[in-house]
Protein backbone atom coordinates (compact mmCIF):
# COMPACT_ATOMS: atom_id res chain seq x y z
CA MET A 1 0.00 0.00 0.00
CA SER A 2 1.52 3.30 -1.05
CA ALA A 3 1.34 6.43 1.05
CA ALA A 4 -0.79 9.28 -0.22
CA VAL A 5 1.18 12.14 -1.70
CA ASP A 6 0.28 15.64 -0.59
CA ASN A 7 0.39 17.81 -3.71
CA THR A 8 -0.41 21.02 -1.85
CA PRO A 9 2.03 23.66 -3.10
CA LEU A 10 4.39 25.17 -0.57
CA PRO A 11 3.48 28.65 0.64
CA GLU A 12 5.35 31.36 -1.26
CA VAL A 13 7.33 32.28 1.88
CA LEU A 14 8.87 28.78 1.89
CA ARG A 15 9.83 28.84 -1.78
CA VAL A 16 11.94 31.98 -1.72
CA LYS A 17 15.33 32.32 -0.06
CA LEU A 18 14.84 34.52 2.99
CA THR A 19 17.45 36.15 5.20
CA GLU A 20 17.58 35.24 8.89
CA ARG A 21 15.90 38.54 9.73
CA GLU A 22 13.09 37.84 7.24
CA TRP A 23 12.58 34.30 8.61
CA LEU A 24 12.34 35.62 12.15
CA GLU A 25 9.80 38.24 11.07
CA ALA A 26 7.81 35.92 8.78
CA PHE A 27 7.22 33.34 11.51
CA ALA A 28 6.81 35.67 14.50
CA PRO A 29 5.82 35.26 17.28
CA GLU A 30 6.49 31.49 17.16
CA SER A 31 10.07 31.95 15.91
CA HIS A 32 10.76 34.40 18.74
CA GLU A 33 9.56 31.90 21.34
CA ILE A 34 11.65 29.12 19.77
CA VAL A 35 14.80 31.27 19.74
CA ARG A 36 14.33 32.30 23.38
CA GLY A 37 13.69 28.69 24.41
CA LEU A 38 16.72 27.36 22.53
CA HIS A 39 18.93 30.11 23.97
CA LYS A 40 17.85 29.26 27.52
CA GLU A 41 18.33 25.52 26.93
CA LEU A 42 21.81 25.92 25.40
CA ALA A 43 22.94 28.38 28.09
CA GLN A 44 21.91 25.81 30.73
CA LYS A 45 23.71 23.05 28.81
CA ARG A 46 26.87 25.16 28.69
CA ALA A 47 26.69 25.92 32.42
CA THR A 48 26.30 22.19 33.18
CA LEU A 49 29.27 21.32 30.97
CA VAL A 50 31.48 24.02 32.52
CA ALA A 51 30.50 22.80 36.01
CA LYS A 52 31.40 19.21 35.00
CA ILE A 53 34.81 20.38 33.76
CA GLY A 54 35.38 22.41 36.93
CA LYS A 55 34.49 19.46 39.17
CA ALA A 56 36.80 17.09 37.25
CA PHE A 57 39.68 19.57 37.25
CA THR A 58 39.30 20.21 40.99
CA ALA A 59 39.49 16.46 41.60
CA ILE A 60 42.64 16.23 39.44
CA ASP A 61 44.23 19.19 41.26
CA THR A 62 43.58 17.65 44.67
CA GLU A 63 44.99 14.29 43.54
CA SER A 64 48.52 15.62 42.99
CA THR A 65 50.60 18.79 43.04
CA ASN A 66 52.70 17.52 40.12
CA GLU A 67 52.06 19.82 37.14
CA ASP A 68 52.83 17.11 34.56
CA PHE A 69 50.32 14.78 36.23
CA ARG A 70 47.67 17.53 36.23
CA TYR A 71 48.33 18.49 32.62
CA PHE A 72 48.18 14.87 31.41
CA TRP A 73 44.89 14.00 33.15
CA LYS A 74 43.20 17.27 32.21
CA ALA A 75 44.20 16.75 28.57
CA ALA A 76 43.00 13.13 28.76
CA PHE A 77 39.68 14.26 30.24
CA HIS A 78 39.23 16.84 27.45
CA ALA A 79 40.11 14.28 24.77
CA LYS A 80 37.86 11.53 26.14
CA TYR A 81 34.76 13.70 26.30
CA LYS A 82 35.69 16.00 23.37
CA LEU A 83 35.05 18.98 25.65
CA ASP A 84 36.71 21.56 23.39
CA GLU A 85 34.49 20.49 20.48
CA GLN A 86 31.38 20.49 22.67
CA LEU A 87 32.09 23.95 24.06
CA HIS A 88 32.94 25.35 20.62
CA ASP A 89 29.72 23.93 19.19
CA ILE A 90 27.61 25.31 22.04
CA ASP A 91 29.33 28.72 21.93
CA THR A 92 28.89 28.99 18.16
CA ARG A 93 25.19 28.14 18.43
CA LEU A 94 24.74 30.50 21.38
CA ALA A 95 26.41 33.33 19.47
CA ARG A 96 23.99 32.77 16.57
CA LEU A 97 21.01 32.72 18.94
CA ARG A 98 22.24 35.91 20.61
CA ARG A 99 22.35 37.49 17.15
CA TYR A 100 18.76 36.36 16.58
CA LEU A 101 17.77 37.82 19.95
CA ARG A 102 19.35 41.16 19.01
CA ILE A 103 17.32 41.12 15.78
CA ILE A 104 14.13 40.22 17.67
CA ASN A 105 14.73 42.86 20.35
CA GLY A 106 16.00 45.49 17.89
CA THR A 107 19.18 46.06 19.88
CA GLU A 108 22.58 46.94 18.49
CA LEU A 109 25.95 45.52 19.53
CA PRO A 110 27.53 47.33 22.48
CA ALA A 111 30.35 49.74 21.69
CA GLY A 112 33.74 48.06 21.90
CA ALA A 113 32.28 44.54 21.56
CA ILE A 114 34.66 43.76 18.72
CA THR A 115 38.40 43.66 19.43
CA ASN A 116 41.33 42.85 17.16
CA ASP A 117 41.87 39.62 19.11
CA LEU A 118 38.29 38.55 18.36
CA ILE A 119 38.73 39.37 14.67
CA VAL A 120 41.94 37.31 14.49
CA ALA A 121 40.25 34.42 16.33
CA ALA A 122 37.26 34.54 13.97
CA LYS A 123 39.48 34.47 10.87
CA GLN A 124 41.34 31.44 12.23
CA VAL A 125 38.17 29.32 12.53
CA PRO A 126 38.45 26.56 9.87
CA ILE A 127 36.26 27.74 7.02
CA GLU A 128 34.78 24.27 6.43
CA SER A 129 33.22 24.41 9.92
CA ILE A 130 30.82 27.21 8.93
CA PHE A 131 29.05 24.96 6.42
CA SER A 132 26.58 22.24 7.45
CA GLN A 133 27.26 20.02 4.44
CA GLN A 134 29.92 17.36 3.96
CA PHE A 135 32.85 17.85 1.57
CA LYS A 136 35.07 15.35 -0.22
CA GLN A 137 38.79 15.48 0.55
CA THR A 138 41.01 15.84 -2.53
CA GLY A 139 44.64 16.35 -1.58
CA ASN A 140 44.79 19.46 0.60
CA LYS A 141 41.45 20.68 -0.77
CA LEU A 142 37.82 19.94 0.03
CA VAL A 143 35.29 19.79 -2.83
CA GLY A 144 31.50 19.97 -2.79
CA ILE A 145 28.31 21.61 -3.95
CA CYS A 146 28.37 25.39 -3.55
CA PRO A 147 26.39 26.46 -0.45
CA TYR A 148 25.73 29.88 -1.98
CA HIS A 149 23.83 28.88 -5.11
CA GLU A 150 22.01 25.87 -6.52
CA GLU A 151 24.11 23.56 -8.66
CA LYS A 152 24.26 19.88 -9.61
CA THR A 153 27.98 19.54 -10.27
CA ALA A 154 30.41 20.21 -7.43
CA SER A 155 32.39 23.34 -8.23
CA PHE A 156 33.04 24.65 -4.72
CA PHE A 157 36.57 24.27 -3.34
CA ILE A 158 37.90 24.86 0.16
CA TYR A 159 41.65 25.45 0.36
CA LYS A 160 42.67 24.35 3.84
CA ASP A 161 46.20 25.77 3.62
CA THR A 162 44.89 29.33 3.11
CA ASN A 163 41.55 28.83 4.93
CA ARG A 164 39.63 30.21 1.95
CA CYS A 165 36.95 28.94 -0.41
CA TYR A 166 36.18 29.56 -4.07
CA CYS A 167 33.32 28.57 -6.35
CA PHE A 168 34.31 28.13 -10.00
CA SER A 169 30.66 28.34 -11.03
CA CYS A 170 29.59 31.60 -9.39
CA LYS A 171 33.17 32.97 -9.45
CA ALA A 172 33.10 34.01 -5.78
CA GLY A 173 35.76 33.48 -3.13
CA TYR A 174 35.64 34.06 0.60
CA ASN A 175 37.64 33.90 3.78
CA THR A 176 35.91 32.63 6.93
CA LEU A 177 34.42 36.00 7.89
CA ASP A 178 33.23 36.90 4.37
CA GLY A 179 31.80 33.41 3.91
CA TYR A 180 29.94 33.52 7.22
CA MET A 181 28.48 36.98 6.50
CA ARG A 182 27.23 35.84 3.10
CA LEU A 183 25.89 32.55 4.42
CA HIS A 184 23.98 34.08 7.34
CA ASP A 185 23.22 37.53 5.94
CA CYS A 186 24.79 39.26 8.93
CA ASN A 187 27.20 42.14 9.34
CA PHE A 188 30.92 42.00 10.11
CA ASN A 189 30.58 42.48 13.88
CA GLU A 190 27.90 39.81 14.17
CA ALA A 191 30.02 37.36 12.18
CA VAL A 192 33.06 38.02 14.38
CA LEU A 193 31.07 37.38 17.55
CA ALA A 194 29.46 34.23 16.15
CA LEU A 195 32.75 32.76 14.91
CA ALA A 196 34.83 33.72 17.93
CA GLY A 197 32.15 32.36 20.27
CA SER A 198 31.99 35.63 22.20
CA VAL A 199 29.54 35.92 25.07
CA ALA A 200 28.83 39.58 24.30
């Protein structure tokens, strides 16, 4: 028995490519509630993870005064539970949700929120990490479908040695910051905060 196919056309708002700001406005107030709920949930998850790390590190510190011992077991603890990856993932998602909250609340970034250190840190984020899709490794390059336009043949290259990407179809190249701004339709400061995982 075959399942019935729903031939109802998608609403126009789902067929066009909207910016994050337009999505938030188009599906308000539900989108606003979802963003606030996700932000609260992730902030709690981060606090729990940080508390877990603190508890483990305190136990390691009380076990021995030997710095090599402490370093080894703290590094082992991080590696076993992939804590750096977990924190980076949570901080990146929280930064995006904070950007959504600023859009929802109509608030601007505070003066001095962006520092040169944050900009450098944001540019050093591996560019492949800003994309949700998988890429195929070819030598020191990654190849895949361009995330910026629709295509059937992979023409999008990520050059890991320079941390840049280029699409041979749409003739556009980006560094991590440029690529993030284009991907998420946000400004420079917002991209820096999202990539650097700032808590501002």
